[in-house]
């Protein structure tokens, strides 16, 4: 066999002349044993990596399937509540320097009554239950004390007066006029929650920087 057909042993790195077409190491028994052990270890690692990837892919599929089942089990109401919470938090942060839209009282004028969630709500001018199309309309929701929002059913008369002062009669009459019905899907609630959580974080950061 010519010089050009020589190979380096993959174990001892010495030159040798192969006797077979595919021969990775020389004829020394210690080289062949070492190569066989190294090859077996390499294959074992490849198999472990393959199994790990299969397990990871299966876990991802199972997790995705579980999330879908949870979404179906929870129903739209769960995601509506999350969207409401994010939207109303943003409203309270947007209006954090404002008094109650209905009674005009500021933070220090409202007694602490031990209500869950503090003294404030995001109160709707046109009720979100009856007017679902205005549920997330930014003109239709303002910072409102819990007393006005819950005990006085939104205290709508002074709410309207102060809302006109803030946004003008045209925008208030728009809210009062007929609206196209909106049917929210779970995907819509998720998008609303994501949007207002992001806006709330940005507002909170701005407020903290001014303190």
Protein backbone atom coordinates (compact mmCIF):
# COMPACT_ATOMS: atom_id res chain seq x y z
CA UNK A 1 0.00 0.00 0.00
CA UNK A 2 1.40 3.40 -0.94
CA UNK A 3 2.47 6.13 1.52
CA UNK A 4 -0.66 8.13 0.66
CA UNK A 5 -2.83 5.39 2.17
CA UNK A 6 -1.28 5.64 5.61
CA UNK A 7 -3.49 6.77 8.47
CA UNK A 8 -2.99 8.06 11.97
CA UNK A 9 -4.30 5.84 14.74
CA UNK A 10 -7.14 7.60 16.51
CA UNK A 11 -5.86 6.27 19.82
CA UNK A 12 -2.07 6.44 19.88
CA UNK A 13 -1.79 8.97 16.99
CA UNK A 14 0.97 6.94 15.29
CA UNK A 15 0.99 6.28 11.57
CA UNK A 16 -0.09 2.82 10.41
CA UNK A 17 -1.09 1.06 7.20
CA UNK A 18 -4.72 -0.13 7.42
CA UNK A 19 -5.61 -3.64 6.37
CA UNK A 20 -9.31 -2.85 6.06
CA UNK A 21 -11.10 -0.04 4.22
CA UNK A 22 -12.65 1.31 7.42
CA UNK A 23 -10.05 0.98 10.16
CA UNK A 24 -9.87 3.83 12.70
CA UNK A 25 -6.90 2.55 14.73
CA UNK A 26 -3.82 0.43 14.42
CA UNK A 27 -3.59 -3.30 15.13
CA UNK A 28 -2.34 -2.93 18.70
CA UNK A 29 -4.87 -4.47 21.07
CA UNK A 30 -4.66 -1.63 23.62
CA UNK A 31 -5.51 0.90 20.87
CA UNK A 32 -8.45 -1.14 19.63
CA UNK A 33 -9.80 -1.61 23.18
CA UNK A 34 -9.39 2.10 23.98
CA UNK A 35 -11.10 3.06 20.72
CA UNK A 36 -13.99 0.64 21.35
CA UNK A 37 -14.50 2.08 24.85
CA UNK A 38 -14.38 5.68 23.58
CA UNK A 39 -16.77 4.85 20.71
CA UNK A 40 -19.22 3.14 23.07
CA UNK A 41 -19.10 6.12 25.45
CA UNK A 42 -19.73 8.52 22.59
CA UNK A 43 -22.72 6.49 21.40
CA UNK A 44 -24.05 6.30 24.95
CA UNK A 45 -23.91 10.09 25.27
CA UNK A 46 -25.61 10.49 21.90
CA UNK A 47 -28.38 8.13 22.96
CA UNK A 48 -28.80 9.95 26.29
CA UNK A 49 -29.06 13.28 24.45
CA UNK A 50 -31.61 11.80 22.06
CA UNK A 51 -33.69 10.41 24.92
CA UNK A 52 -33.47 13.72 26.78
CA UNK A 53 -34.67 15.61 23.71
CA UNK A 54 -37.55 13.17 23.23
CA UNK A 55 -38.53 13.55 26.88
CA UNK A 56 -38.32 17.35 26.63
CA UNK A 57 -40.46 17.40 23.50
CA UNK A 58 -43.00 15.08 25.13
CA UNK A 59 -43.09 17.26 28.26
CA UNK A 60 -43.65 20.35 26.12
CA UNK A 61 -46.51 18.67 24.29
CA UNK A 62 -48.05 17.45 27.53
CA UNK A 63 -47.70 20.91 29.10
CA UNK A 64 -49.29 22.53 26.06
CA UNK A 65 -52.13 20.01 26.12
CA UNK A 66 -52.61 20.59 29.86
CA UNK A 67 -52.75 24.37 29.37
CA UNK A 68 -55.40 23.91 26.71
CA UNK A 69 -57.45 21.68 29.00
CA UNK A 70 -57.12 24.20 31.83
CA UNK A 71 -58.22 27.00 29.49
CA UNK A 72 -61.34 25.08 28.52
CA UNK A 73 -62.08 24.16 32.15
CA UNK A 74 -61.66 27.72 33.39
CA UNK A 75 -63.85 29.26 30.72
CA UNK A 76 -63.99 32.89 29.52
CA UNK A 77 -65.05 34.23 32.94
CA UNK A 78 -61.65 33.50 34.45
CA UNK A 79 -59.84 35.46 31.76
CA UNK A 80 -62.41 38.26 31.87
CA UNK A 81 -61.67 38.74 35.58
CA UNK A 82 -57.93 38.89 34.88
CA UNK A 83 -58.50 41.46 32.12
CA UNK A 84 -60.79 43.50 34.42
CA UNK A 85 -58.17 43.49 37.17
CA UNK A 86 -55.41 44.70 34.83
CA UNK A 87 -57.61 47.39 33.24
CA UNK A 88 -58.90 48.77 36.53
CA UNK A 89 -55.41 48.84 38.05
CA UNK A 90 -54.29 50.95 35.09
CA UNK A 91 -57.31 53.27 35.58
CA UNK A 92 -56.45 53.82 39.24
CA UNK A 93 -52.81 54.52 38.38
CA UNK A 94 -53.79 56.87 35.55
CA UNK A 95 -56.04 58.83 37.92
CA UNK A 96 -53.85 58.45 41.02
CA UNK A 97 -53.77 62.22 41.67
CA UNK A 98 -57.50 62.64 41.03
CA UNK A 99 -60.33 62.57 43.59
CA UNK A 100 -63.30 60.23 43.35
CA UNK A 101 -65.08 60.92 40.07
CA UNK A 102 -68.47 61.00 41.85
CA UNK A 103 -68.13 62.48 45.33
CA UNK A 104 -64.95 64.47 44.71
CA UNK A 105 -63.18 63.24 47.85
CA UNK A 106 -59.43 62.74 47.90
CA UNK A 107 -57.50 59.92 49.55
CA UNK A 108 -57.12 61.69 52.90
CA UNK A 109 -60.83 62.53 53.03
CA UNK A 110 -62.01 58.93 52.77
CA UNK A 111 -62.03 56.91 56.00
CA UNK A 112 -60.40 53.51 55.92
CA UNK A 113 -63.25 51.03 56.20
CA UNK A 114 -61.25 47.84 56.03
CA UNK A 115 -62.51 46.98 52.56
CA UNK A 116 -60.60 44.40 50.56
CA UNK A 117 -58.42 46.13 47.97
CA UNK A 118 -58.22 49.48 49.72
CA UNK A 119 -60.35 52.58 49.20
CA UNK A 120 -60.54 52.74 45.41
CA UNK A 121 -62.13 51.00 42.45
CA UNK A 122 -62.08 51.54 38.74
CA UNK A 123 -65.71 52.64 38.48
CA UNK A 124 -67.64 52.51 35.20
CA UNK A 125 -69.96 55.32 34.11
CA UNK A 126 -72.03 52.92 32.01
CA UNK A 127 -72.13 49.63 33.89
CA UNK A 128 -69.80 46.96 32.52
CA UNK A 129 -72.44 44.27 33.05
CA UNK A 130 -75.15 45.94 30.99
CA UNK A 131 -72.80 47.66 28.53
CA UNK A 132 -70.17 45.05 27.79
CA UNK A 133 -69.06 46.96 24.69
CA UNK A 134 -67.82 49.74 27.02
CA UNK A 135 -66.24 47.42 29.55
CA UNK A 136 -62.69 48.41 28.51
CA UNK A 137 -63.41 51.85 27.06
CA UNK A 138 -60.97 54.22 28.74
CA UNK A 139 -63.43 57.14 28.84
CA UNK A 140 -65.99 54.94 30.58
CA UNK A 141 -63.89 54.07 33.63
CA UNK A 142 -62.50 56.41 36.29
CA UNK A 143 -60.99 56.23 39.73
CA UNK A 144 -63.90 55.99 42.14
CA UNK A 145 -64.16 55.38 45.87
CA UNK A 146 -65.66 52.08 46.93
CA UNK A 147 -68.48 53.84 48.76
CA UNK A 148 -69.74 55.50 45.56
CA UNK A 149 -69.08 52.54 43.31
CA UNK A 150 -70.51 49.80 45.51
CA UNK A 151 -72.78 51.35 48.10
CA UNK A 152 -74.35 53.93 45.77
CA UNK A 153 -74.44 51.85 42.56
CA UNK A 154 -71.82 54.05 40.91
CA UNK A 155 -73.36 57.35 42.10
CA UNK A 156 -74.06 58.17 38.42
CA UNK A 157 -75.47 61.72 38.58
CA UNK A 158 -72.38 63.49 39.96
CA UNK A 159 -70.25 61.03 37.98
CA UNK A 160 -71.78 62.41 34.76
CA UNK A 161 -71.26 66.03 35.82
CA UNK A 162 -67.58 65.55 36.59
CA UNK A 163 -67.03 63.33 33.55
CA UNK A 164 -68.35 66.11 31.29
CA UNK A 165 -65.89 68.49 32.98
CA UNK A 166 -63.04 66.08 32.20
CA UNK A 167 -63.72 64.87 28.68
CA UNK A 168 -66.53 67.09 27.31
CA UNK A 169 -70.16 66.53 26.52
CA UNK A 170 -69.53 65.01 23.08
CA UNK A 171 -67.49 62.12 24.46
CA UNK A 172 -69.95 61.53 27.27
CA UNK A 173 -72.88 61.44 24.83
CA UNK A 174 -70.91 59.00 22.73
CA UNK A 175 -70.77 56.68 25.73
CA UNK A 176 -74.50 57.17 26.26
CA UNK A 177 -75.38 56.52 22.64
CA UNK A 178 -75.99 53.14 21.03
CA UNK A 179 -72.86 51.01 20.65
CA UNK A 180 -72.07 47.99 18.58
CA UNK A 181 -72.20 44.85 20.69
CA UNK A 182 -68.83 43.27 21.43
CA UNK A 183 -68.31 39.57 21.96
CA UNK A 184 -65.04 38.93 23.73
CA UNK A 185 -63.18 35.66 23.29
CA UNK A 186 -60.57 34.22 25.63
CA UNK A 187 -57.88 35.49 23.25
CA UNK A 188 -59.33 39.01 23.51
CA UNK A 189 -59.28 38.93 27.31
CA UNK A 190 -55.68 37.72 27.27
CA UNK A 191 -54.66 40.52 24.91
CA UNK A 192 -56.43 43.13 27.07
CA UNK A 193 -54.78 41.80 30.22
CA UNK A 194 -51.35 41.88 28.59
CA UNK A 195 -51.86 45.42 27.26
CA UNK A 196 -52.99 46.98 30.54
CA UNK A 197 -50.51 45.09 32.69
CA UNK A 198 -47.76 46.60 30.54
CA UNK A 199 -49.29 50.10 30.69
CA UNK A 200 -49.76 49.78 34.46
CA UNK A 201 -46.10 48.83 34.94
CA UNK A 202 -45.00 51.82 32.90
CA UNK A 203 -47.26 54.19 34.85
CA UNK A 204 -46.18 52.78 38.19
CA UNK A 205 -42.53 53.33 37.23
CA UNK A 206 -43.26 56.93 36.21
CA UNK A 207 -45.06 57.58 39.50
CA UNK A 208 -42.21 56.12 41.55
CA UNK A 209 -39.68 58.29 39.70
CA UNK A 210 -41.56 61.45 40.68
CA UNK A 211 -41.70 60.58 44.37
